[in-house]
Amino acid sequence: MSVQMVIELPRVQSSQMVVRALDTYKLRLRASIERTRRRLSGFERRYGVTTAQFLDCMSAEDLEGGDLEYVDWAGEAKMLDGLRSELAELEDARYRLS
């Protein structure tokens, strides 16, 4: 399903500001994705498993840091999924200035 959103602005420059704001937000999302991937890589190196394997097979008892580390790793994985989804939605968005 497709949704259209109409934004009426007083000047052409205003529309350019909106486009720049979206582009800037996408850059921030990409930076956040990269930071989160680095954090996940640290866990993966430390325990010698991928994040997918961790989520499927491991529990807090398997980690040196226990519950806190489990929550951190699982939280980073969930964060990455959310960031990627949000970026994909914005990347699929199309706009037309008239």
Protein backbone atom coordinates (compact mmCIF):
# COMPACT_ATOMS: atom_id res chain seq x y z
CA MET A 1 0.00 0.00 0.00
CA SER A 2 1.22 3.45 -0.85
CA VAL A 3 0.54 6.61 1.11
CA GLN A 4 0.85 10.14 -0.16
CA MET A 5 1.64 13.09 2.06
CA VAL A 6 1.17 16.66 0.90
CA ILE A 7 3.09 19.47 2.54
CA GLU A 8 2.29 23.00 1.47
CA LEU A 9 5.09 25.48 1.99
CA PRO A 10 5.24 29.20 1.35
CA ARG A 11 8.44 29.19 -0.74
CA VAL A 12 10.59 26.92 -2.88
CA GLN A 13 13.44 27.40 -0.40
CA SER A 14 11.26 25.89 2.31
CA SER A 15 10.83 22.71 0.29
CA GLN A 16 14.59 22.52 -0.19
CA MET A 17 15.02 22.73 3.59
CA VAL A 18 12.64 19.80 4.05
CA VAL A 19 14.56 17.72 1.50
CA ARG A 20 17.87 18.59 3.21
CA ALA A 21 16.40 17.67 6.60
CA LEU A 22 15.37 14.25 5.28
CA ASP A 23 18.79 13.71 3.73
CA THR A 24 20.49 14.71 6.98
CA TYR A 25 18.29 12.34 8.96
CA LYS A 26 19.16 9.49 6.60
CA LEU A 27 22.85 10.25 7.12
CA ARG A 28 22.35 10.09 10.87
CA LEU A 29 20.55 6.78 10.54
CA ARG A 30 23.44 5.38 8.47
CA ALA A 31 25.92 6.54 11.11
CA SER A 32 23.82 4.95 13.85
CA ILE A 33 23.65 1.70 11.88
CA GLU A 34 27.43 1.66 11.54
CA ARG A 35 27.94 2.37 15.27
CA THR A 36 25.51 -0.40 16.18
CA ARG A 37 27.19 -2.83 13.79
CA ARG A 38 30.55 -2.08 15.43
CA ARG A 39 29.09 -2.79 18.87
CA LEU A 40 27.61 -6.06 17.64
CA SER A 41 30.96 -7.01 16.07
CA GLY A 42 32.60 -6.56 19.46
CA PHE A 43 30.21 -9.05 21.04
CA GLU A 44 30.65 -11.44 18.13
CA ARG A 45 34.45 -11.35 18.37
CA ARG A 46 34.38 -11.75 22.12
CA TYR A 47 32.16 -14.85 22.06
CA GLY A 48 33.01 -16.26 18.61
CA VAL A 49 29.41 -16.42 17.39
CA THR A 50 27.27 -14.30 15.12
CA THR A 51 24.48 -12.20 16.55
CA ALA A 52 21.96 -14.53 14.88
CA GLN A 53 23.54 -17.53 16.63
CA PHE A 54 23.55 -15.62 19.91
CA LEU A 55 19.85 -14.82 19.62
CA ASP A 56 18.96 -18.40 18.65
CA CYS A 57 21.13 -20.40 21.02
CA MET A 58 22.53 -18.45 23.93
CA SER A 59 21.23 -17.30 27.29
CA ALA A 60 22.51 -14.87 29.89
CA GLU A 61 24.27 -17.72 31.68
CA ASP A 62 26.45 -18.22 28.59
CA LEU A 63 27.90 -14.71 28.84
CA GLU A 64 30.60 -13.48 31.19
CA GLY A 65 28.57 -10.33 31.85
CA GLY A 66 25.38 -12.26 32.60
CA ASP A 67 22.00 -10.60 32.32
CA LEU A 68 23.30 -7.10 31.67
CA GLU A 69 25.50 -8.19 28.78
CA TYR A 70 22.70 -10.32 27.34
CA VAL A 71 20.33 -7.35 27.43
CA ASP A 72 22.99 -5.10 25.86
CA TRP A 73 23.69 -7.51 22.99
CA ALA A 74 20.04 -8.32 22.33
CA GLY A 75 19.15 -4.64 22.59
CA GLU A 76 21.80 -3.67 20.04
CA ALA A 77 20.48 -6.34 17.67
CA LYS A 78 16.93 -5.03 18.03
CA MET A 79 18.16 -1.46 17.60
CA LEU A 80 19.92 -2.42 14.37
CA ASP A 81 16.74 -3.97 12.99
CA GLY A 82 14.77 -0.83 13.82
CA LEU A 83 17.35 1.53 12.32
CA ARG A 84 17.55 -0.51 9.12
CA SER A 85 13.77 -0.58 8.80
CA GLU A 86 13.48 3.14 9.31
CA LEU A 87 16.20 3.88 6.77
CA ALA A 88 14.60 1.52 4.23
CA GLU A 89 11.28 3.34 4.60
CA LEU A 90 12.93 6.70 3.99
CA GLU A 91 15.00 5.37 1.09
CA ASP A 92 11.79 4.14 -0.57
CA ALA A 93 10.08 7.51 -0.15
CA ARG A 94 9.72 9.54 -3.32
CA TYR A 95 9.02 13.22 -3.56
CA ARG A 96 8.16 15.60 -6.32
CA LEU A 97 8.39 19.36 -6.10
CA SER A 98 5.77 21.32 -7.98
